[in-house]
Amino acid sequence: MSMSGRGNDRPQTQSEGSEDAANRQLPDRIEIPYIRGEMLHLRPAVIADLTAMDQLEAFYNSTGITGKGPSAERAVVNAWVRRSVAWSKGLAARDSGVGDPESRRTLAWAMVTDADTDQDGSPDADATKGVIGMIFLIDVDGWSRSARIQVVLGRHFRGRGYSRDAMPRIMTYGYAAAPTGLGLHRIWVAVPEKNTRSISVYQSLGFMISGTSRDALWDAENGKYQDQIVMDALVDEYDPIRSLNAFGMHVIRENPGVAEALVAHGYAADEDGGISETKSKESTSASQDSQTSSEQIGLAPKSGSHSGKSAGGHAGPNGRNDKTAGSGQTDAKDAGRKSGSEEPVAERSGEEHTASDWAYGSAEAKRSKRAWWRTLGHGRDRANGGSR
């Protein structure tokens, strides 16, 4: 998809404007790719997978995870899968069977694993043929090149790191230019304010808190309204390699969009298939390490540095609200250093991460020491089309 006119003050000609508008139209039919992870693989979801979601009790505690009641969550998942299947068949959005006057496009993947964590000789998800949940790109907007991402996991498959494996790989596909990917500019999430663990994890994935919808959700547990936190990640800020590294995940170069991401972010591949940063990138990272170290030992930030809060009193990616710090919120810096210490939106449970959860041994797992997301959004030039 072309980025015609971006960062250029010269007015578009009529032909250029028509070409740009055409490039922002979504295809009538899409081929949903298979995507590999370390702990699972992602395949296009089908209608039959909805039965598996019920068997998995995937909508248990949805009010605490997404802010929706179980019935509402089940209904939207049903609609998302049907929209995805319709798009893959070349059907119009209105023919998806769920009634969609806004013609919103959605992509749905089933999350499939053959893991046998209890080592009883039978896969954990044998009853659902390996399906443990779903991941979605919702309301894909070709004109604005935007989409929302969400994971819905079975009740007993939360807290094992599956979302941490899947999300960066789906985002890499979403950001990749067509025809490899969707050519998205922005991917966003919406999180209940009480789900502080997910907020921390999303920050480590590269999301920034960009706004607050006040009293948008009902907190049934505490009998009061709560805010909904909106977070997003932009294509020129998101680094999928560091996002995977933050949770000890390895890059799978055959996945859609990975080759393009390596080039775009200045990574080099060696003869053995390893991936390393270029010299200039390493220099920038070292500077970020120094900044993070200063913060850890309590040094005051330099004049002009960013350490403020987002709207609604919630700590942004560069600061924490003292009001929430005492309520058990884990600092997002730790999520970038301790793979598995936090849980994404659909992974709230009391289970602790163990080394056996990972496809690679604990000695091989990468541990990012860089809170790389702390500089996101700084220096964006809105007058130049949002470029740096």
Protein backbone atom coordinates (compact mmCIF):
# COMPACT_ATOMS: atom_id res chain seq x y z
CA MET A 1 0.00 0.00 0.00
CA SER A 2 1.38 3.35 -1.04
CA MET A 3 2.07 6.14 1.43
CA SER A 4 1.60 8.82 -1.24
CA GLY A 5 1.77 12.37 0.06
CA ARG A 6 3.03 11.53 3.53
CA GLY A 7 5.49 14.08 4.89
CA ASN A 8 5.14 16.26 1.77
CA ASP A 9 3.55 19.70 2.00
CA ARG A 10 2.94 19.84 -1.75
CA PRO A 11 -0.80 19.42 -2.46
CA GLN A 12 -1.69 16.20 -4.24
CA THR A 13 -2.81 16.36 -7.82
CA GLN A 14 -6.20 14.87 -8.69
CA SER A 15 -4.57 11.76 -10.17
CA GLU A 16 -2.34 11.31 -7.12
CA GLY A 17 -5.29 11.69 -4.79
CA SER A 18 -7.29 9.10 -6.73
CA GLU A 19 -4.35 6.69 -6.67
CA ASP A 20 -3.90 7.12 -2.93
CA ALA A 21 -7.62 6.55 -2.32
CA ALA A 22 -7.51 3.38 -4.40
CA ASN A 23 -4.49 2.13 -2.47
CA ARG A 24 -6.41 2.56 0.78
CA GLN A 25 -9.18 0.20 -0.25
CA LEU A 26 -9.09 -3.25 1.31
CA PRO A 27 -9.13 -6.22 -1.08
CA ASP A 28 -12.45 -7.97 -1.68
CA ARG A 29 -10.85 -11.26 -0.75
CA ILE A 30 -7.92 -12.00 1.52
CA GLU A 31 -5.77 -15.05 2.05
CA ILE A 32 -5.21 -15.37 5.78
CA PRO A 33 -1.67 -16.66 6.35
CA TYR A 34 -0.53 -19.46 8.61
CA ILE A 35 1.89 -18.07 11.18
CA ARG A 36 4.36 -20.05 13.30
CA GLY A 37 5.24 -19.40 16.90
CA GLU A 38 7.53 -21.18 19.31
CA MET A 39 4.82 -22.58 21.54
CA LEU A 40 1.96 -22.70 19.06
CA HIS A 41 0.95 -22.04 15.49
CA LEU A 42 -1.79 -19.84 14.14
CA ARG A 43 -4.16 -20.95 11.41
CA PRO A 44 -7.23 -19.22 9.94
CA ALA A 45 -10.17 -19.70 12.30
CA VAL A 46 -13.24 -21.56 11.04
CA ILE A 47 -16.84 -21.61 12.26
CA ALA A 48 -16.35 -25.00 13.94
CA ASP A 49 -13.74 -23.43 16.24
CA LEU A 50 -16.51 -21.53 18.02
CA THR A 51 -17.64 -24.79 19.62
CA ALA A 52 -14.12 -25.30 20.91
CA MET A 53 -14.18 -21.82 22.51
CA ASP A 54 -17.21 -22.85 24.55
CA GLN A 55 -15.49 -26.09 25.60
CA LEU A 56 -12.44 -24.08 26.64
CA GLU A 57 -14.51 -21.74 28.84
CA ALA A 58 -12.85 -18.94 26.90
CA PHE A 59 -15.29 -16.31 28.15
CA TYR A 60 -14.73 -16.98 31.83
CA ASN A 61 -13.88 -13.77 33.75
CA SER A 62 -14.25 -11.67 30.61
CA THR A 63 -15.40 -8.74 32.74
CA GLY A 64 -12.00 -8.63 34.42
CA ILE A 65 -10.05 -9.07 31.20
CA THR A 66 -11.82 -7.01 28.53
CA GLY A 67 -14.62 -5.34 30.50
CA LYS A 68 -17.39 -7.17 28.62
CA GLY A 69 -19.82 -9.66 30.14
CA PRO A 70 -19.48 -13.32 29.08
CA SER A 71 -22.54 -13.24 26.81
CA ALA A 72 -21.41 -10.07 25.06
CA GLU A 73 -17.87 -11.42 24.66
CA ARG A 74 -19.16 -14.67 23.18
CA ALA A 75 -21.37 -12.76 20.73
CA VAL A 76 -18.56 -10.54 19.42
CA VAL A 77 -16.17 -13.48 19.03
CA ASN A 78 -18.86 -15.27 17.01
CA ALA A 79 -19.24 -12.19 14.79
CA TRP A 80 -15.48 -11.75 14.35
CA VAL A 81 -14.96 -15.34 13.20
CA ARG A 82 -17.84 -15.13 10.74
CA ARG A 83 -16.53 -11.84 9.31
CA SER A 84 -13.07 -13.37 8.92
CA VAL A 85 -14.39 -16.46 7.14
CA ALA A 86 -16.54 -14.29 4.85
CA TRP A 87 -13.57 -12.11 3.88
CA SER A 88 -11.40 -15.14 3.15
CA LYS A 89 -14.13 -16.39 0.79
CA GLY A 90 -14.45 -13.07 -1.01
CA LEU A 91 -17.91 -12.38 0.40
CA ALA A 92 -19.07 -8.85 1.16
CA ALA A 93 -19.06 -7.92 4.85
CA ARG A 94 -22.85 -7.68 4.79
CA ASP A 95 -22.96 -11.34 3.70
CA SER A 96 -21.00 -12.60 6.70
CA GLY A 97 -24.21 -13.73 8.39
CA VAL A 98 -23.95 -11.39 11.37
CA GLY A 99 -25.45 -8.22 9.90
CA ASP A 100 -22.75 -5.58 9.48
CA PRO A 101 -23.97 -2.31 7.94
CA GLU A 102 -20.58 -0.67 8.57
CA SER A 103 -18.80 -3.36 6.51
CA ARG A 104 -16.11 -3.88 9.13
CA ARG A 105 -13.46 -6.39 8.17
CA THR A 106 -11.85 -8.73 10.71
CA LEU A 107 -9.18 -11.44 10.63
CA ALA A 108 -9.33 -14.38 13.04
CA TRP A 109 -6.73 -17.05 13.78
CA ALA A 110 -7.13 -20.17 15.90
CA MET A 111 -4.28 -20.64 18.36
CA VAL A 112 -3.21 -24.28 18.17
CA THR A 113 -0.66 -26.21 20.25
CA ASP A 114 0.33 -29.81 20.85
CA ALA A 115 1.95 -29.04 24.21
CA ASP A 116 1.83 -31.68 26.92
CA THR A 117 2.78 -29.67 30.00
CA ASP A 118 1.64 -32.34 32.49
CA GLN A 119 3.58 -34.98 30.53
CA ASP A 120 0.80 -37.53 30.66
CA GLY A 121 1.31 -38.53 27.03
CA SER A 122 -1.78 -36.64 25.83
CA PRO A 123 -1.78 -33.07 24.45
CA ASP A 124 -3.25 -30.50 26.84
CA ALA A 125 -5.87 -29.45 24.30
CA ASP A 126 -6.64 -32.89 22.92
CA ALA A 127 -10.39 -32.43 23.47
CA THR A 128 -10.44 -29.39 21.15
CA LYS A 129 -7.97 -30.77 18.58
CA GLY A 130 -5.22 -28.49 19.82
CA VAL A 131 -7.21 -25.25 19.81
CA ILE A 132 -6.58 -23.19 22.96
CA GLY A 133 -8.00 -19.82 21.91
CA MET A 134 -8.09 -17.20 19.18
CA ILE A 135 -6.32 -13.99 18.19
CA PHE A 136 -7.95 -11.26 16.11
CA LEU A 137 -7.27 -8.15 14.09
CA ILE A 138 -10.61 -6.41 14.44
CA ASP A 139 -12.29 -3.62 12.46
CA VAL A 140 -9.51 -3.41 9.89
CA ASP A 141 -9.77 0.09 8.40
CA GLY A 142 -8.09 0.39 5.02
CA TRP A 143 -8.55 4.15 4.78
CA SER A 144 -6.89 4.91 8.13
CA ARG A 145 -4.75 1.75 8.02
CA SER A 146 -5.74 0.86 11.55
CA ALA A 147 -6.92 -2.25 13.40
CA ARG A 148 -7.50 -3.46 16.95
CA ILE A 149 -5.84 -6.61 18.28
CA GLN A 150 -7.31 -8.96 20.86
CA VAL A 151 -6.54 -12.41 22.25
CA VAL A 152 -9.15 -14.72 23.80
CA LEU A 153 -7.73 -17.80 25.53
CA GLY A 154 -9.34 -20.80 27.15
CA ARG A 155 -9.68 -20.56 30.92
CA HIS A 156 -7.00 -23.12 31.68
CA PHE A 157 -4.51 -21.87 29.07
CA ARG A 158 -4.00 -18.40 30.50
CA GLY A 159 -0.78 -17.39 32.14
CA ARG A 160 1.41 -19.73 30.07
CA GLY A 161 2.88 -17.18 27.67
CA TYR A 162 0.83 -18.05 24.59
CA SER A 163 -0.27 -14.47 23.93
CA ARG A 164 3.30 -13.26 24.31
CA ASP A 165 4.26 -15.66 21.55
CA ALA A 166 1.40 -14.80 19.19
CA MET A 167 0.86 -11.04 19.43
CA PRO A 168 4.19 -9.74 18.06
CA ARG A 169 3.94 -12.14 15.12
CA ILE A 170 0.42 -11.02 14.19
CA MET A 171 1.45 -7.37 14.55
CA THR A 172 4.46 -7.94 12.27
CA TYR A 173 2.11 -9.31 9.62
CA GLY A 174 -0.32 -6.43 10.12
CA TYR A 175 2.34 -3.77 9.66
CA ALA A 176 4.00 -5.39 6.63
CA ALA A 177 3.23 -3.65 3.36
CA ALA A 178 0.82 -5.29 0.92
CA PRO A 179 0.81 -7.84 -0.55
CA THR A 180 2.85 -9.46 2.26
CA GLY A 181 0.69 -7.94 5.00
CA LEU A 182 -2.07 -5.42 5.58
CA GLY A 183 0.08 -2.29 5.44
CA LEU A 184 -1.31 -0.98 8.75
CA HIS A 185 -0.11 2.26 10.26
CA ARG A 186 -1.63 1.78 13.71
CA ILE A 187 -2.63 -1.19 15.88
CA TRP A 188 -4.46 -0.50 19.11
CA VAL A 189 -5.91 -2.21 22.16
CA ALA A 190 -8.51 -1.29 24.77
CA VAL A 191 -7.97 -2.38 28.38
CA PRO A 192 -10.04 -1.93 31.57
CA GLU A 193 -8.20 0.37 33.97
CA LYS A 194 -8.16 -2.32 36.69
CA ASN A 195 -6.24 -4.70 34.41
CA THR A 196 -2.90 -3.09 35.25
CA ARG A 197 -0.94 -6.25 34.51
CA SER A 198 -2.00 -6.17 30.87
CA ILE A 199 -1.25 -2.47 30.60
CA SER A 200 2.33 -3.15 31.72
CA VAL A 201 2.74 -5.99 29.26
CA TYR A 202 1.35 -3.99 26.36
CA GLN A 203 3.86 -1.25 27.11
CA SER A 204 6.65 -3.81 26.88
CA LEU A 205 5.25 -4.91 23.52
CA GLY A 206 5.54 -1.32 22.28
CA PHE A 207 2.09 0.11 22.96
CA MET A 208 1.66 3.62 24.35
CA ILE A 209 -1.24 4.86 26.43
CA SER A 210 -2.95 7.27 24.07
CA GLY A 211 -6.23 8.04 25.80
CA THR A 212 -8.90 7.21 28.34
CA SER A 213 -12.62 6.60 27.83
CA ARG A 214 -14.06 7.67 31.15
CA ASP A 215 -16.50 5.32 32.89
CA ALA A 216 -16.78 3.31 29.68
CA LEU A 217 -17.02 -0.08 31.40
CA TRP A 218 -18.96 -1.57 34.30
CA ASP A 219 -16.84 -3.20 37.01
CA ALA A 220 -19.23 -5.88 38.28
CA GLU A 221 -16.79 -7.08 40.93
CA ASN A 222 -16.62 -3.70 42.67
CA GLY A 223 -20.04 -2.42 41.64
CA LYS A 224 -18.89 0.74 39.92
CA TYR A 225 -17.92 2.15 36.54
CA GLN A 226 -14.32 2.07 35.41
CA ASP A 227 -12.30 3.77 32.69
CA GLN A 228 -11.18 2.05 29.52
CA ILE A 229 -7.54 2.67 28.64
CA VAL A 230 -6.74 2.98 24.93
CA MET A 231 -3.22 2.04 23.86
CA ASP A 232 -1.66 1.99 20.41
CA ALA A 233 1.53 1.22 18.50
CA LEU A 234 2.54 2.91 15.23
CA VAL A 235 4.40 1.22 12.43
CA ASP A 236 7.46 3.48 12.49
CA GLU A 237 7.82 3.07 16.26
CA TYR A 238 7.11 -0.63 16.64
CA ASP A 239 10.14 -2.92 16.59
CA PRO A 240 8.96 -6.55 16.35
CA ILE A 241 12.43 -7.92 17.08
CA ARG A 242 12.69 -6.11 20.41
CA SER A 243 9.06 -6.91 21.15
CA LEU A 244 9.81 -10.63 20.87
CA ASN A 245 13.06 -10.22 22.76
CA ALA A 246 11.25 -8.54 25.65
CA PHE A 247 9.57 -11.87 26.41
CA GLY A 248 12.45 -14.17 25.52
CA MET A 249 10.96 -15.16 22.17
CA HIS A 250 12.95 -15.97 19.05
CA VAL A 251 12.40 -14.53 15.58
CA ILE A 252 10.96 -16.93 12.99
CA ARG A 253 12.17 -15.45 9.74
CA GLU A 254 9.78 -17.41 7.52
CA ASN A 255 6.72 -15.68 8.99
CA PRO A 256 5.02 -12.98 6.87
CA GLY A 257 6.50 -9.52 7.35
CA VAL A 258 9.62 -10.59 9.24
CA ALA A 259 12.05 -10.10 6.34
CA GLU A 260 10.67 -6.62 5.72
CA ALA A 261 10.85 -5.76 9.43
CA LEU A 262 14.50 -6.82 9.65
CA VAL A 263 15.42 -4.48 6.82
CA ALA A 264 13.25 -1.61 8.05
CA HIS A 265 14.76 -1.68 11.55
CA GLY A 266 18.36 -2.19 10.51
CA TYR A 267 18.98 -5.77 11.59
CA ALA A 268 21.50 -8.03 9.91
CA ALA A 269 21.37 -11.82 9.60
CA ASP A 270 24.56 -13.84 9.96
CA GLU A 271 25.50 -17.05 8.15
CA ASP A 272 24.09 -19.19 10.95
CA GLY A 273 20.70 -17.50 10.75
CA GLY A 274 21.27 -15.35 13.84
CA ILE A 275 20.07 -11.76 13.95
CA SER A 276 22.09 -8.80 15.19
CA GLU A 277 21.64 -5.05 15.31
CA THR A 278 23.62 -2.71 13.10
CA LYS A 279 26.28 -0.56 14.67
CA SER A 280 24.15 2.59 14.59
CA LYS A 281 21.22 0.78 16.19
CA GLU A 282 23.41 -0.65 18.92
CA SER A 283 24.68 2.86 19.68
CA THR A 284 21.13 4.13 20.08
CA SER A 285 20.26 1.15 22.29
CA ALA A 286 23.28 1.80 24.50
CA SER A 287 22.05 5.34 25.03
CA GLN A 288 18.64 3.98 26.05
CA ASP A 289 20.32 1.52 28.44
CA SER A 290 22.13 4.41 30.08
CA GLN A 291 18.86 6.32 30.50
CA THR A 292 17.15 3.26 32.00
CA SER A 293 20.04 2.67 34.40
CA SER A 294 19.79 6.25 35.62
CA GLU A 295 16.10 5.79 36.31
CA GLN A 296 16.72 2.56 38.20
CA ILE A 297 19.16 4.19 40.65
CA GLY A 298 16.92 7.17 41.21
CA LEU A 299 18.73 9.87 39.20
CA ALA A 300 16.65 12.84 38.18
CA PRO A 301 15.75 12.98 34.50
CA LYS A 302 17.46 15.52 32.31
CA SER A 303 15.68 18.73 31.53
CA GLY A 304 13.16 18.27 28.75
CA SER A 305 12.89 14.51 29.19
CA HIS A 306 9.51 12.82 29.26
CA SER A 307 8.25 11.35 32.49
CA GLY A 308 4.64 12.46 32.58
CA LYS A 309 1.30 10.72 32.84
CA SER A 310 -1.42 10.08 30.35
CA ALA A 311 -4.96 11.35 30.51
CA GLY A 312 -7.05 10.20 33.40
CA GLY A 313 -4.15 9.99 35.84
CA HIS A 314 -2.75 6.73 34.46
CA ALA A 315 0.97 6.43 34.16
CA GLY A 316 2.21 6.68 30.59
CA PRO A 317 5.08 4.63 29.19
CA ASN A 318 7.58 6.89 30.95
CA GLY A 319 6.08 7.23 34.40
CA ARG A 320 3.97 5.53 37.04
CA ASN A 321 1.11 6.96 38.98
CA ASP A 322 1.80 6.73 42.70
CA LYS A 323 -1.89 6.03 43.24
CA THR A 324 -1.63 2.75 41.36
CA ALA A 325 1.89 1.85 42.38
CA GLY A 326 0.73 0.64 45.75
CA SER A 327 -2.06 -1.51 44.38
CA GLY A 328 0.17 -4.28 43.09
CA GLN A 329 0.87 -2.93 39.61
CA THR A 330 4.09 -4.40 38.26
CA ASP A 331 6.50 -1.89 36.74
CA ALA A 332 6.51 -2.37 32.97
CA LYS A 333 10.30 -2.26 32.98
CA ASP A 334 10.28 -5.61 34.73
CA ALA A 335 8.01 -7.06 32.05
CA GLY A 336 10.75 -6.29 29.54
CA ARG A 337 13.32 -8.10 31.65
CA LYS A 338 11.39 -11.08 33.01
CA SER A 339 9.72 -13.08 30.31
CA GLY A 340 6.51 -14.53 31.65
CA SER A 341 6.24 -12.27 34.71
CA GLU A 342 3.22 -10.48 33.27
CA GLU A 343 0.13 -11.55 31.36
CA PRO A 344 -1.53 -10.01 28.26
CA VAL A 345 -5.20 -9.11 28.20
CA ALA A 346 -6.53 -12.64 27.89
CA GLU A 347 -3.99 -14.26 30.21
CA ARG A 348 -5.07 -13.36 33.73
CA SER A 349 -4.75 -16.24 36.15
CA GLY A 350 -2.87 -17.17 39.27
CA GLU A 351 -0.50 -19.49 37.44
CA GLU A 352 3.18 -18.67 37.50
CA HIS A 353 5.42 -18.92 34.46
CA THR A 354 7.93 -21.74 34.47
CA ALA A 355 10.85 -22.46 32.16
CA SER A 356 9.09 -25.56 30.86
CA ASP A 357 6.48 -23.31 29.24
CA TRP A 358 8.96 -22.19 26.61
CA ALA A 359 9.95 -24.01 23.46
CA TYR A 360 13.58 -23.15 24.21
CA GLY A 361 15.30 -23.98 27.49
CA SER A 362 15.59 -21.27 30.11
CA ALA A 363 19.30 -20.93 29.38
CA GLU A 364 18.50 -20.07 25.75
CA ALA A 365 15.67 -17.65 26.44
CA LYS A 366 16.51 -14.09 25.55
CA ARG A 367 16.08 -11.56 28.33
CA SER A 368 15.83 -7.98 27.13
CA LYS A 369 17.59 -5.53 29.45
CA ARG A 370 16.37 -2.55 27.50
CA ALA A 371 13.15 -0.76 28.30
CA TRP A 372 13.11 0.15 24.62
CA TRP A 373 9.51 1.32 24.62
CA ARG A 374 10.34 4.20 26.99
CA THR A 375 11.38 6.48 24.12
CA LEU A 376 8.42 5.70 21.86
CA GLY A 377 6.57 8.72 20.53
CA HIS A 378 9.31 11.18 21.49
CA GLY A 379 10.35 13.34 18.57
CA ARG A 380 7.43 12.57 16.27
CA ASP A 381 6.97 15.49 13.88
CA ARG A 382 3.24 15.86 13.32
CA ALA A 383 3.84 18.70 10.87
CA ASN A 384 5.72 16.23 8.71
CA GLY A 385 2.96 13.67 8.49
CA GLY A 386 3.90 11.97 11.75
CA SER A 387 7.41 11.02 10.64
CA ARG A 388 10.45 11.36 12.83
